[in-house]
Amino acid sequence: MMRAPYRHFLLVLVLCTLAACNDDGASGQASAEISSRNLAPADEQLAAIYNRSCRSCHTVAATGSPLTGDTAAWEARMEKGMSTLVDNVVNGFGGMPPFGLCMDCDAEQFEALIHFMATGG
């Protein structure tokens, strides 16, 4: 039979282990945000547009926006087709304002930005 102090120690050890397994995704979410923040388009002009118009939402999971480079989050969106996605940007969609805060962007730039955010590259 195990002594009471050892049982308590064992119980505390088991509870701590179980608590560590109860990850609500916060650490994974933070990791995804950090990865997202480190991405930028190779094209300087596109990078400037991304930094001023897209980055503030698409690198913060709390906004509900799909994170840049999170291919799983973008997969269902990409299945809708590029013309639908560009239309969503132009007209606004969900919490995204019309033109995604880029009033001077054209459809080609929107396509390039969507492709970059969906693939991370």
PDB file of N, CA and C in Angstrom:
ATOM      1  N   MET A   1       0.846  -1.190   0.000  1.00  0.00           N
ATOM      2  CA  MET A   1       0.000   0.000   0.000  1.00  0.00           C
ATOM      3  C   MET A   1       0.885   1.245   0.000  1.00  0.00           C
ATOM      4  N   MET A   2       0.505   2.243  -0.760  1.00  0.00           N
ATOM      5  CA  MET A   2       1.279   3.471  -0.901  1.00  0.00           C
ATOM      6  C   MET A   2       0.981   4.412   0.258  1.00  0.00           C
ATOM      7  N   ARG A   3       2.006   5.071   0.754  1.00  0.00           N
ATOM      8  CA  ARG A   3       1.825   6.032   1.846  1.00  0.00           C
ATOM      9  C   ARG A   3       1.092   7.268   1.331  1.00  0.00           C
ATOM     10  N   ALA A   4       0.378   7.930   2.232  1.00  0.00           N
ATOM     11  CA  ALA A   4      -0.443   9.094   1.878  1.00  0.00           C
ATOM     12  C   ALA A   4       0.362  10.199   1.196  1.00  0.00           C
ATOM     13  N   PRO A   5       1.572  10.591   1.680  1.00  0.00           N
ATOM     14  CA  PRO A   5       2.304  11.675   1.003  1.00  0.00           C
ATOM     15  C   PRO A   5       2.643  11.329  -0.446  1.00  0.00           C
ATOM     16  N   TYR A   6       2.962  10.050  -0.676  1.00  0.00           N
ATOM     17  CA  TYR A   6       3.281   9.641  -2.047  1.00  0.00           C
ATOM     18  C   TYR A   6       2.046   9.641  -2.937  1.00  0.00           C
ATOM     19  N   ARG A   7       0.919   9.262  -2.373  1.00  0.00           N
ATOM     20  CA  ARG A   7      -0.325   9.296  -3.154  1.00  0.00           C
ATOM     21  C   ARG A   7      -0.657  10.721  -3.552  1.00  0.00           C
ATOM     22  N   HIS A   8      -0.481  11.651  -2.617  1.00  0.00           N
ATOM     23  CA  HIS A   8      -0.762  13.062  -2.929  1.00  0.00           C
ATOM     24  C   HIS A   8       0.187  13.567  -4.011  1.00  0.00           C
ATOM     25  N   PHE A   9       1.447  13.213  -3.862  1.00  0.00           N
ATOM     26  CA  PHE A   9       2.434  13.610  -4.869  1.00  0.00           C
ATOM     27  C   PHE A   9       2.062  13.045  -6.229  1.00  0.00           C
ATOM     28  N   LEU A  10       1.721  11.779  -6.263  1.00  0.00           N
ATOM     29  CA  LEU A  10       1.341  11.133  -7.512  1.00  0.00           C
ATOM     30  C   LEU A  10       0.095  11.776  -8.111  1.00  0.00           C
ATOM     31  N   LEU A  11      -0.886  12.088  -7.257  1.00  0.00           N
ATOM     32  CA  LEU A  11      -2.117  12.736  -7.720  1.00  0.00           C
ATOM     33  C   LEU A  11      -1.804  14.104  -8.326  1.00  0.00           C
ATOM     34  N   VAL A  12      -0.966  14.888  -7.652  1.00  0.00           N
ATOM     35  CA  VAL A  12      -0.593  16.210  -8.158  1.00  0.00           C
ATOM     36  C   VAL A  12       0.155  16.067  -9.487  1.00  0.00           C
ATOM     37  N   LEU A  13       1.047  15.099  -9.573  1.00  0.00           N
ATOM     38  CA  LEU A  13       1.795  14.871 -10.804  1.00  0.00           C
ATOM     39  C   LEU A  13       0.864  14.515 -11.960  1.00  0.00           C
ATOM     40  N   VAL A  14      -0.099  13.648 -11.715  1.00  0.00           N
ATOM     41  CA  VAL A  14      -1.064  13.260 -12.753  1.00  0.00           C
ATOM     42  C   VAL A  14      -1.903  14.458 -13.177  1.00  0.00           C
ATOM     43  N   LEU A  15      -2.369  15.247 -12.236  1.00  0.00           N
ATOM     44  CA  LEU A  15      -3.184  16.417 -12.567  1.00  0.00           C
ATOM     45  C   LEU A  15      -2.399  17.451 -13.367  1.00  0.00           C
ATOM     46  N   CYS A  16      -1.154  17.665 -13.011  1.00  0.00           N
ATOM     47  CA  CYS A  16      -0.314  18.606 -13.764  1.00  0.00           C
ATOM     48  C   CYS A  16      -0.093  18.112 -15.186  1.00  0.00           C
ATOM     49  N   THR A  17       0.122  16.828 -15.322  1.00  0.00           N
ATOM     50  CA  THR A  17       0.313  16.250 -16.648  1.00  0.00           C
ATOM     51  C   THR A  17      -0.932  16.416 -17.491  1.00  0.00           C
ATOM     52  N   LEU A  18      -2.084  16.154 -16.905  1.00  0.00           N
ATOM     53  CA  LEU A  18      -3.335  16.311 -17.642  1.00  0.00           C
ATOM     54  C   LEU A  18      -3.594  17.763 -18.006  1.00  0.00           C
ATOM     55  N   ALA A  19      -3.260  18.666 -17.106  1.00  0.00           N
ATOM     56  CA  ALA A  19      -3.450  20.091 -17.387  1.00  0.00           C
ATOM     57  C   ALA A  19      -2.579  20.529 -18.558  1.00  0.00           C
ATOM     58  N   ALA A  20      -1.368  19.993 -18.638  1.00  0.00           N
ATOM     59  CA  ALA A  20      -0.483  20.331 -19.748  1.00  0.00           C
ATOM     60  C   ALA A  20      -1.028  19.814 -21.070  1.00  0.00           C
ATOM     61  N   CYS A  21      -1.767  18.729 -21.036  1.00  0.00           N
ATOM     62  CA  CYS A  21      -2.349  18.174 -22.259  1.00  0.00           C
ATOM     63  C   CYS A  21      -3.583  18.939 -22.705  1.00  0.00           C
ATOM     64  N   ASN A  22      -4.133  19.754 -21.864  1.00  0.00           N
ATOM     65  CA  ASN A  22      -5.347  20.498 -22.169  1.00  0.00           C
ATOM     66  C   ASN A  22      -4.998  21.810 -22.846  1.00  0.00           C
ATOM     67  N   ASP A  23      -4.298  21.732 -23.969  1.00  0.00           N
ATOM     68  CA  ASP A  23      -3.937  22.913 -24.741  1.00  0.00           C
ATOM     69  C   ASP A  23      -5.146  23.332 -25.559  1.00  0.00           C
ATOM     70  N   ASP A  24      -5.638  24.528 -25.322  1.00  0.00           N
ATOM     71  CA  ASP A  24      -6.822  25.001 -26.035  1.00  0.00           C
ATOM     72  C   ASP A  24      -6.477  25.577 -27.399  1.00  0.00           C
ATOM     73  N   GLY A  25      -5.253  25.383 -27.824  1.00  0.00           N
ATOM     74  CA  GLY A  25      -4.841  25.889 -29.122  1.00  0.00           C
ATOM     75  C   GLY A  25      -4.184  27.245 -29.054  1.00  0.00           C
ATOM     76  N   ALA A  26      -4.132  27.835 -27.870  1.00  0.00           N
ATOM     77  CA  ALA A  26      -3.564  29.169 -27.741  1.00  0.00           C
ATOM     78  C   ALA A  26      -2.096  29.191 -28.143  1.00  0.00           C
ATOM     79  N   SER A  27      -1.335  28.190 -27.742  1.00  0.00           N
ATOM     80  CA  SER A  27       0.081  28.181 -28.109  1.00  0.00           C
ATOM     81  C   SER A  27       0.238  27.942 -29.610  1.00  0.00           C
ATOM     82  N   GLY A  28      -0.589  27.082 -30.187  1.00  0.00           N
ATOM     83  CA  GLY A  28      -0.554  26.859 -31.628  1.00  0.00           C
ATOM     84  C   GLY A  28      -0.968  28.100 -32.384  1.00  0.00           C
ATOM     85  N   GLN A  29      -1.956  28.801 -31.860  1.00  0.00           N
ATOM     86  CA  GLN A  29      -2.430  30.032 -32.480  1.00  0.00           C
ATOM     87  C   GLN A  29      -1.329  31.085 -32.444  1.00  0.00           C
ATOM     88  N   ALA A  30      -0.662  31.214 -31.303  1.00  0.00           N
ATOM     89  CA  ALA A  30       0.424  32.189 -31.193  1.00  0.00           C
ATOM     90  C   ALA A  30       1.554  31.848 -32.154  1.00  0.00           C
ATOM     91  N   SER A  31       1.860  30.576 -32.285  1.00  0.00           N
ATOM     92  CA  SER A  31       2.908  30.138 -33.203  1.00  0.00           C
ATOM     93  C   SER A  31       2.528  30.461 -34.648  1.00  0.00           C
ATOM     94  N   ALA A  32       1.274  30.231 -34.999  1.00  0.00           N
ATOM     95  CA  ALA A  32       0.801  30.534 -36.353  1.00  0.00           C
ATOM     96  C   ALA A  32       0.872  32.035 -36.629  1.00  0.00           C
ATOM     97  N   GLU A  33       0.535  32.848 -35.631  1.00  0.00           N
ATOM     98  CA  GLU A  33       0.612  34.301 -35.801  1.00  0.00           C
ATOM     99  C   GLU A  33       2.044  34.745 -36.016  1.00  0.00           C
ATOM    100  N   ILE A  34       2.972  34.180 -35.248  1.00  0.00           N
ATOM    101  CA  ILE A  34       4.379  34.542 -35.401  1.00  0.00           C
ATOM    102  C   ILE A  34       4.868  34.165 -36.795  1.00  0.00           C
ATOM    103  N   SER A  35       4.530  32.964 -37.234  1.00  0.00           N
ATOM    104  CA  SER A  35       4.921  32.533 -38.580  1.00  0.00           C
ATOM    105  C   SER A  35       4.331  33.466 -39.630  1.00  0.00           C
ATOM    106  N   SER A  36       3.078  33.825 -39.446  1.00  0.00           N
ATOM    107  CA  SER A  36       2.385  34.690 -40.381  1.00  0.00           C
ATOM    108  C   SER A  36       3.051  36.065 -40.463  1.00  0.00           C
ATOM    109  N   ARG A  37       3.448  36.591 -39.327  1.00  0.00           N
ATOM    110  CA  ARG A  37       4.063  37.918 -39.282  1.00  0.00           C
ATOM    111  C   ARG A  37       5.423  37.965 -39.971  1.00  0.00           C
ATOM    112  N   ASN A  38       6.059  36.816 -40.104  1.00  0.00           N
ATOM    113  CA  ASN A  38       7.382  36.771 -40.718  1.00  0.00           C
ATOM    114  C   ASN A  38       7.332  36.665 -42.240  1.00  0.00           C
ATOM    115  N   LEU A  39       6.145  36.592 -42.805  1.00  0.00           N
ATOM    116  CA  LEU A  39       6.008  36.447 -44.255  1.00  0.00           C
ATOM    117  C   LEU A  39       5.787  37.807 -44.917  1.00  0.00           C
ATOM    118  N   ALA A  40       6.348  37.948 -46.100  1.00  0.00           N
ATOM    119  CA  ALA A  40       6.137  39.173 -46.883  1.00  0.00           C
ATOM    120  C   ALA A  40       6.307  38.830 -48.357  1.00  0.00           C
ATOM    121  N   PRO A  41       5.532  39.465 -49.208  1.00  0.00           N
ATOM    122  CA  PRO A  41       5.701  39.230 -50.652  1.00  0.00           C
ATOM    123  C   PRO A  41       7.101  39.620 -51.104  1.00  0.00           C
ATOM    124  N   ALA A  42       7.637  38.887 -52.053  1.00  0.00           N
ATOM    125  CA  ALA A  42       8.973  39.179 -52.591  1.00  0.00           C
ATOM    126  C   ALA A  42       8.976  40.483 -53.383  1.00  0.00           C
ATOM    127  N   ASP A  43       7.882  40.754 -54.089  1.00  0.00           N
ATOM    128  CA  ASP A  43       7.763  41.975 -54.876  1.00  0.00           C
ATOM    129  C   ASP A  43       7.611  43.169 -53.929  1.00  0.00           C
ATOM    130  N   GLU A  44       8.479  44.176 -54.075  1.00  0.00           N
ATOM    131  CA  GLU A  44       8.475  45.322 -53.153  1.00  0.00           C
ATOM    132  C   GLU A  44       7.162  46.097 -53.171  1.00  0.00           C
ATOM    133  N   GLN A  45       6.608  46.320 -54.359  1.00  0.00           N
ATOM    134  CA  GLN A  45       5.349  47.066 -54.462  1.00  0.00           C
ATOM    135  C   GLN A  45       4.219  46.294 -53.786  1.00  0.00           C
ATOM    136  N   LEU A  46       4.159  45.002 -54.035  1.00  0.00           N
ATOM    137  CA  LEU A  46       3.124  44.169 -53.415  1.00  0.00           C
ATOM    138  C   LEU A  46       3.337  44.103 -51.902  1.00  0.00           C
ATOM    139  N   ALA A  47       4.591  44.041 -51.471  1.00  0.00           N
ATOM    140  CA  ALA A  47       4.896  44.018 -50.036  1.00  0.00           C
ATOM    141  C   ALA A  47       4.420  45.304 -49.365  1.00  0.00           C
ATOM    142  N   ALA A  48       4.597  46.426 -50.036  1.00  0.00           N
ATOM    143  CA  ALA A  48       4.145  47.705 -49.476  1.00  0.00           C
ATOM    144  C   ALA A  48       2.628  47.720 -49.325  1.00  0.00           C
ATOM    145  N   ILE A  49       1.921  47.231 -50.329  1.00  0.00           N
ATOM    146  CA  ILE A  49       0.457  47.167 -50.260  1.00  0.00           C
ATOM    147  C   ILE A  49       0.039  46.215 -49.137  1.00  0.00           C
ATOM    148  N   TYR A  50       0.653  45.048 -49.100  1.00  0.00           N
ATOM    149  CA  TYR A  50       0.336  44.059 -48.066  1.00  0.00           C
ATOM    150  C   TYR A  50       0.547  44.646 -46.669  1.00  0.00           C
ATOM    151  N   ASN A  51       1.664  45.316 -46.470  1.00  0.00           N
ATOM    152  CA  ASN A  51       1.980  45.863 -45.144  1.00  0.00           C
ATOM    153  C   ASN A  51       1.008  46.954 -44.709  1.00  0.00           C
ATOM    154  N   ARG A  52       0.526  47.749 -45.655  1.00  0.00           N
ATOM    155  CA  ARG A  52      -0.380  48.844 -45.257  1.00  0.00           C
ATOM    156  C   ARG A  52      -1.848  48.430 -45.239  1.00  0.00           C
ATOM    157  N   SER A  53      -2.217  47.379 -45.997  1.00  0.00           N
ATOM    158  CA  SER A  53      -3.641  47.071 -46.151  1.00  0.00           C
ATOM    159  C   SER A  53      -4.076  45.704 -45.641  1.00  0.00           C
ATOM    160  N   CYS A  54      -3.205  44.726 -45.612  1.00  0.00           N
ATOM    161  CA  CYS A  54      -3.617  43.340 -45.309  1.00  0.00           C
ATOM    162  C   CYS A  54      -3.054  42.822 -43.991  1.00  0.00           C
ATOM    163  N   ARG A  55      -1.814  43.173 -43.739  1.00  0.00           N
ATOM    164  CA  ARG A  55      -1.050  42.596 -42.642  1.00  0.00           C
ATOM    165  C   ARG A  55      -1.721  42.742 -41.271  1.00  0.00           C
ATOM    166  N   SER A  56      -2.317  43.880 -41.007  1.00  0.00           N
ATOM    167  CA  SER A  56      -2.869  44.127 -39.670  1.00  0.00           C
ATOM    168  C   SER A  56      -3.982  43.156 -39.300  1.00  0.00           C
ATOM    169  N   CYS A  57      -4.681  42.604 -40.261  1.00  0.00           N
ATOM    170  CA  CYS A  57      -5.736  41.627 -39.967  1.00  0.00           C
ATOM    171  C   CYS A  57      -5.295  40.188 -40.225  1.00  0.00           C
ATOM    172  N   HIS A  58      -4.533  39.973 -41.280  1.00  0.00           N
ATOM    173  CA  HIS A  58      -4.191  38.609 -41.691  1.00  0.00           C
ATOM    174  C   HIS A  58      -2.972  38.033 -40.976  1.00  0.00           C
ATOM    175  N   THR A  59      -2.542  38.704 -39.885  1.00  0.00           N
ATOM    176  CA  THR A  59      -1.498  38.156 -39.026  1.00  0.00           C
ATOM    177  C   THR A  59      -1.967  38.077 -37.574  1.00  0.00           C
ATOM    178  N   VAL A  60      -3.251  38.340 -37.347  1.00  0.00           N
ATOM    179  CA  VAL A  60      -3.819  38.310 -36.000  1.00  0.00           C
ATOM    180  C   VAL A  60      -5.048  37.403 -36.008  1.00  0.00           C
ATOM    181  N   ALA A  61      -4.930  36.246 -35.394  1.00  0.00           N
ATOM    182  CA  ALA A  61      -6.009  35.258 -35.419  1.00  0.00           C
ATOM    183  C   ALA A  61      -7.298  35.785 -34.793  1.00  0.00           C
ATOM    184  N   ALA A  62      -7.186  36.662 -33.828  1.00  0.00           N
ATOM    185  CA  ALA A  62      -8.373  37.178 -33.139  1.00  0.00           C
ATOM    186  C   ALA A  62      -9.294  37.974 -34.065  1.00  0.00           C
ATOM    187  N   THR A  63      -8.798  38.404 -35.205  1.00  0.00           N
ATOM    188  CA  THR A  63      -9.643  39.154 -36.146  1.00  0.00           C
ATOM    189  C   THR A  63     -10.607  38.239 -36.893  1.00  0.00           C
ATOM    190  N   GLY A  64     -10.318  36.937 -36.880  1.00  0.00           N
ATOM    191  CA  GLY A  64     -11.148  35.997 -37.628  1.00  0.00           C
ATOM    192  C   GLY A  64     -10.734  35.867 -39.077  1.00  0.00           C
ATOM    193  N   SER A  65      -9.756  36.640 -39.487  1.00  0.00           N
ATOM    194  CA  SER A  65      -9.238  36.563 -40.856  1.00  0.00           C
ATOM    195  C   SER A  65      -8.347  35.334 -40.988  1.00  0.00           C
ATOM    196  N   PRO A  66      -8.337  34.711 -42.162  1.00  0.00           N
ATOM    197  CA  PRO A  66      -7.391  33.611 -42.346  1.00  0.00           C
ATOM    198  C   PRO A  66      -5.969  34.168 -42.307  1.00  0.00           C
ATOM    199  N   LEU A  67      -5.112  33.522 -41.550  1.00  0.00           N
ATOM    200  CA  LEU A  67      -3.748  34.008 -41.416  1.00  0.00           C
ATOM    201  C   LEU A  67      -2.959  33.788 -42.702  1.00  0.00           C
ATOM    202  N   THR A  68      -2.102  34.720 -42.995  1.00  0.00           N
ATOM    203  CA  THR A  68      -1.216  34.593 -44.133  1.00  0.00           C
ATOM    204  C   THR A  68      -0.379  33.334 -43.968  1.00  0.00           C
ATOM    205  N   GLY A  69      -0.373  32.517 -45.000  1.00  0.00           N
ATOM    206  CA  GLY A  69       0.407  31.295 -44.985  1.00  0.00           C
ATOM    207  C   GLY A  69      -0.281  30.094 -44.367  1.00  0.00           C
ATOM    208  N   ASP A  70      -1.474  30.286 -43.813  1.00  0.00           N
ATOM    209  CA  ASP A  70      -2.219  29.161 -43.219  1.00  0.00           C
ATOM    210  C   ASP A  70      -3.019  28.491 -44.340  1.00  0.00           C
ATOM    211  N   THR A  71      -2.364  27.581 -45.037  1.00  0.00           N
ATOM    212  CA  THR A  71      -2.975  26.969 -46.215  1.00  0.00           C
ATOM    213  C   THR A  71      -4.266  26.236 -45.888  1.00  0.00           C
ATOM    214  N   ALA A  72      -4.367  25.662 -44.708  1.00  0.00           N
ATOM    215  CA  ALA A  72      -5.600  24.962 -44.327  1.00  0.00           C
ATOM    216  C   ALA A  72      -6.765  25.945 -44.208  1.00  0.00           C
ATOM    217  N   ALA A  73      -6.519  27.096 -43.633  1.00  0.00           N
ATOM    218  CA  ALA A  73      -7.579  28.097 -43.476  1.00  0.00           C
ATOM    219  C   ALA A  73      -8.000  28.689 -44.820  1.00  0.00           C
ATOM    220  N   TRP A  74      -7.086  28.737 -45.753  1.00  0.00           N
ATOM    221  CA  TRP A  74      -7.372  29.320 -47.067  1.00  0.00           C
ATOM    222  C   TRP A  74      -7.961  28.320 -48.047  1.00  0.00           C
ATOM    223  N   GLU A  75      -7.815  27.031 -47.781  1.00  0.00           N
ATOM    224  CA  GLU A  75      -8.211  26.012 -48.752  1.00  0.00           C
ATOM    225  C   GLU A  75      -9.661  26.143 -49.208  1.00  0.00           C
ATOM    226  N   ALA A  76     -10.593  26.199 -48.277  1.00  0.00           N
ATOM    227  CA  ALA A  76     -12.015  26.302 -48.648  1.00  0.00           C
ATOM    228  C   ALA A  76     -12.307  27.619 -49.364  1.00  0.00           C
ATOM    229  N   ARG A  77     -11.611  28.663 -48.980  1.00  0.00           N
ATOM    230  CA  ARG A  77     -11.809  29.954 -49.640  1.00  0.00           C
ATOM    231  C   ARG A  77     -11.328  29.890 -51.087  1.00  0.00           C
ATOM    232  N   MET A  78     -10.172  29.292 -51.293  1.00  0.00           N
ATOM    233  CA  MET A  78      -9.605  29.201 -52.634  1.00  0.00           C
ATOM    234  C   MET A  78     -10.478  28.348 -53.552  1.00  0.00           C
ATOM    235  N   GLU A  79     -11.187  27.388 -52.978  1.00  0.00           N
ATOM    236  CA  GLU A  79     -12.082  26.547 -53.777  1.00  0.00           C
ATOM    237  C   GLU A  79     -13.236  27.338 -54.381  1.00  0.00           C
ATOM    238  N   LYS A  80     -13.542  28.497 -53.822  1.00  0.00           N
ATOM    239  CA  LYS A  80     -14.607  29.347 -54.356  1.00  0.00           C
ATOM    240  C   LYS A  80     -14.213  29.976 -55.690  1.00  0.00           C
ATOM    241  N   GLY A  81     -12.920  30.017 -55.942  1.00  0.00           N
ATOM    242  CA  GLY A  81     -12.426  30.612 -57.179  1.00  0.00           C
ATOM    243  C   GLY A  81     -11.929  32.025 -56.960  1.00  0.00           C
ATOM    244  N   MET A  82     -10.933  32.396 -57.724  1.00  0.00           N
ATOM    245  CA  MET A  82     -10.299  33.703 -57.565  1.00  0.00           C
ATOM    246  C   MET A  82     -11.259  34.853 -57.842  1.00  0.00           C
ATOM    247  N   SER A  83     -12.138  34.717 -58.831  1.00  0.00           N
ATOM    248  CA  SER A  83     -13.050  35.824 -59.136  1.00  0.00           C
ATOM    249  C   SER A  83     -13.987  36.094 -57.956  1.00  0.00           C
ATOM    250  N   THR A  84     -14.431  35.052 -57.269  1.00  0.00           N
ATOM    251  CA  THR A  84     -15.284  35.235 -56.083  1.00  0.00           C
ATOM    252  C   THR A  84     -14.499  35.909 -54.965  1.00  0.00           C
ATOM    253  N   LEU A  85     -13.261  35.492 -54.781  1.00  0.00           N
ATOM    254  CA  LEU A  85     -12.451  36.091 -53.720  1.00  0.00           C
ATOM    255  C   LEU A  85     -12.156  37.563 -54.002  1.00  0.00           C
ATOM    256  N   VAL A  86     -11.851  37.885 -55.238  1.00  0.00           N
ATOM    257  CA  VAL A  86     -11.614  39.284 -55.589  1.00  0.00           C
ATOM    258  C   VAL A  86     -12.897  40.085 -55.396  1.00  0.00           C
ATOM    259  N   ASP A  87     -14.025  39.525 -55.785  1.00  0.00           N
ATOM    260  CA  ASP A  87     -15.318  40.185 -55.575  1.00  0.00           C
ATOM    261  C   ASP A  87     -15.563  40.422 -54.078  1.00  0.00           C
ATOM    262  N   ASN A  88     -15.215  39.445 -53.245  1.00  0.00           N
ATOM    263  CA  ASN A  88     -15.359  39.616 -51.791  1.00  0.00           C
ATOM    264  C   ASN A  88     -14.490  40.754 -51.277  1.00  0.00           C
ATOM    265  N   VAL A  89     -13.289  40.873 -51.820  1.00  0.00           N
ATOM    266  CA  VAL A  89     -12.405  41.961 -51.399  1.00  0.00           C
ATOM    267  C   VAL A  89     -12.992  43.303 -51.837  1.00  0.00           C
ATOM    268  N   VAL A  90     -13.384  43.401 -53.074  1.00  0.00           N
ATOM    269  CA  VAL A  90     -13.903  44.666 -53.617  1.00  0.00           C
ATOM    270  C   VAL A  90     -15.154  45.120 -52.873  1.00  0.00           C
ATOM    271  N   ASN A  91     -16.060  44.198 -52.600  1.00  0.00           N
ATOM    272  CA  ASN A  91     -17.330  44.557 -51.961  1.00  0.00           C
ATOM    273  C   ASN A  91     -17.306  44.470 -50.441  1.00  0.00           C
ATOM    274  N   GLY A  92     -16.243  43.896 -49.888  1.00  0.00           N
ATOM    275  CA  GLY A  92     -16.191  43.653 -48.450  1.00  0.00           C
ATOM    276  C   GLY A  92     -16.860  42.328 -48.144  1.00  0.00           C
ATOM    277  N   PHE A  93     -16.364  41.666 -47.137  1.00  0.00           N
ATOM    278  CA  PHE A  93     -16.909  40.358 -46.800  1.00  0.00           C
ATOM    279  C   PHE A  93     -16.688  40.103 -45.316  1.00  0.00           C
ATOM    280  N   GLY A  94     -17.741  39.741 -44.609  1.00  0.00           N
ATOM    281  CA  GLY A  94     -17.609  39.538 -43.169  1.00  0.00           C
ATOM    282  C   GLY A  94     -17.127  40.820 -42.517  1.00  0.00           C
ATOM    283  N   GLY A  95     -16.031  40.740 -41.803  1.00  0.00           N
ATOM    284  CA  GLY A  95     -15.466  41.915 -41.142  1.00  0.00           C
ATOM    285  C   GLY A  95     -14.517  42.711 -42.017  1.00  0.00           C
ATOM    286  N   MET A  96     -14.253  42.223 -43.225  1.00  0.00           N
ATOM    287  CA  MET A  96     -13.325  42.928 -44.106  1.00  0.00           C
ATOM    288  C   MET A  96     -14.050  44.077 -44.800  1.00  0.00           C
ATOM    289  N   PRO A  97     -13.470  45.272 -44.701  1.00  0.00           N
ATOM    290  CA  PRO A  97     -14.102  46.425 -45.368  1.00  0.00           C
ATOM    291  C   PRO A  97     -13.921  46.333 -46.881  1.00  0.00           C
ATOM    292  N   PRO A  98     -14.760  47.050 -47.638  1.00  0.00           N
ATOM    293  CA  PRO A  98     -14.601  47.075 -49.088  1.00  0.00           C
ATOM    294  C   PRO A  98     -13.170  47.447 -49.480  1.00  0.00           C
ATOM    295  N   PHE A  99     -12.696  46.808 -50.489  1.00  0.00           N
ATOM    296  CA  PHE A  99     -11.352  46.984 -51.028  1.00  0.00           C
ATOM    297  C   PHE A  99     -10.250  46.561 -50.050  1.00  0.00           C
ATOM    298  N   GLY A 100     -10.622  45.918 -48.954  1.00  0.00           N
ATOM    299  CA  GLY A 100      -9.616  45.447 -48.014  1.00  0.00           C
ATOM    300  C   GLY A 100      -8.657  46.535 -47.577  1.00  0.00           C
ATOM    301  N   LEU A 101      -9.144  47.745 -47.493  1.00  0.00           N
ATOM    302  CA  LEU A 101      -8.361  48.932 -47.124  1.00  0.00           C
ATOM    303  C   LEU A 101      -7.344  49.350 -48.188  1.00  0.00           C
ATOM    304  N   CYS A 102      -7.503  48.876 -49.399  1.00  0.00           N
ATOM    305  CA  CYS A 102      -6.615  49.285 -50.494  1.00  0.00           C
ATOM    306  C   CYS A 102      -7.461  49.866 -51.611  1.00  0.00           C
ATOM    307  N   MET A 103      -7.778  51.122 -51.492  1.00  0.00           N
ATOM    308  CA  MET A 103      -8.664  51.777 -52.449  1.00  0.00           C
ATOM    309  C   MET A 103      -8.035  51.974 -53.822  1.00  0.00           C
ATOM    310  N   ASP A 104      -6.708  51.914 -53.891  1.00  0.00           N
ATOM    311  CA  ASP A 104      -6.048  52.127 -55.177  1.00  0.00           C
ATOM    312  C   ASP A 104      -5.537  50.832 -55.809  1.00  0.00           C
ATOM    313  N   CYS A 105      -5.906  49.689 -55.252  1.00  0.00           N
ATOM    314  CA  CYS A 105      -5.489  48.401 -55.821  1.00  0.00           C
ATOM    315  C   CYS A 105      -6.379  48.011 -56.991  1.00  0.00           C
ATOM    316  N   ASP A 106      -5.793  47.301 -57.950  1.00  0.00           N
ATOM    317  CA  ASP A 106      -6.588  46.781 -59.052  1.00  0.00           C
ATOM    318  C   ASP A 106      -6.778  45.274 -58.861  1.00  0.00           C
ATOM    319  N   ALA A 107      -7.574  44.674 -59.705  1.00  0.00           N
ATOM    320  CA  ALA A 107      -7.911  43.252 -59.580  1.00  0.00           C
ATOM    321  C   ALA A 107      -6.669  42.376 -59.626  1.00  0.00           C
ATOM    322  N   GLU A 108      -5.708  42.714 -60.462  1.00  0.00           N
ATOM    323  CA  GLU A 108      -4.469  41.928 -60.562  1.00  0.00           C
ATOM    324  C   GLU A 108      -3.694  41.950 -59.240  1.00  0.00           C
ATOM    325  N   GLN A 109      -3.640  43.106 -58.600  1.00  0.00           N
ATOM    326  CA  GLN A 109      -2.957  43.202 -57.307  1.00  0.00           C
ATOM    327  C   GLN A 109      -3.703  42.411 -56.233  1.00  0.00           C
ATOM    328  N   PHE A 110      -5.038  42.503 -56.249  1.00  0.00           N
ATOM    329  CA  PHE A 110      -5.814  41.714 -55.293  1.00  0.00           C
ATOM    330  C   PHE A 110      -5.553  40.219 -55.480  1.00  0.00           C
ATOM    331  N   GLU A 111      -5.515  39.771 -56.719  1.00  0.00           N
ATOM    332  CA  GLU A 111      -5.236  38.354 -56.991  1.00  0.00           C
ATOM    333  C   GLU A 111      -3.868  37.956 -56.457  1.00  0.00           C
ATOM    334  N   ALA A 112      -2.876  38.795 -56.702  1.00  0.00           N
ATOM    335  CA  ALA A 112      -1.517  38.500 -56.235  1.00  0.00           C
ATOM    336  C   ALA A 112      -1.463  38.472 -54.704  1.00  0.00           C
ATOM    337  N   LEU A 113      -2.159  39.390 -54.067  1.00  0.00           N
ATOM    338  CA  LEU A 113      -2.187  39.422 -52.599  1.00  0.00           C
ATOM    339  C   LEU A 113      -2.899  38.198 -52.031  1.00  0.00           C
ATOM    340  N   ILE A 114      -4.017  37.834 -52.626  1.00  0.00           N
ATOM    341  CA  ILE A 114      -4.752  36.644 -52.171  1.00  0.00           C
ATOM    342  C   ILE A 114      -3.882  35.401 -52.338  1.00  0.00           C
ATOM    343  N   HIS A 115      -3.241  35.279 -53.489  1.00  0.00           N
ATOM    344  CA  HIS A 115      -2.385  34.126 -53.733  1.00  0.00           C
ATOM    345  C   HIS A 115      -1.255  34.082 -52.696  1.00  0.00           C
ATOM    346  N   PHE A 116      -0.626  35.222 -52.445  1.00  0.00           N
ATOM    347  CA  PHE A 116       0.443  35.277 -51.451  1.00  0.00           C
ATOM    348  C   PHE A 116      -0.056  34.861 -50.073  1.00  0.00           C
ATOM    349  N   MET A 117      -1.177  35.424 -49.643  1.00  0.00           N
ATOM    350  CA  MET A 117      -1.677  35.107 -48.302  1.00  0.00           C
ATOM    351  C   MET A 117      -2.094  33.646 -48.188  1.00  0.00           C
ATOM    352  N   ALA A 118      -2.665  33.107 -49.252  1.00  0.00           N
ATOM    353  CA  ALA A 118      -3.126  31.723 -49.237  1.00  0.00           C
ATOM    354  C   ALA A 118      -1.985  30.706 -49.234  1.00  0.00           C
ATOM    355  N   THR A 119      -0.856  31.098 -49.815  1.00  0.00           N
ATOM    356  CA  THR A 119       0.255  30.149 -49.940  1.00  0.00           C
ATOM    357  C   THR A 119       1.448  30.517 -49.058  1.00  0.00           C
ATOM    358  N   GLY A 120       1.516  31.776 -48.640  1.00  0.00           N
ATOM    359  CA  GLY A 120       2.647  32.220 -47.840  1.00  0.00           C
ATOM    360  C   GLY A 120       3.897  32.453 -48.682  1.00  0.00           C
ATOM    361  N   GLY A 121       3.717  32.502 -49.976  1.00  0.00           N
ATOM    362  CA  GLY A 121       4.914  32.694 -50.808  1.00  0.00           C
ATOM    363  C   GLY A 121       4.647  33.188 -52.167  1.00  0.00           C
TER     364      GLY A 121
END
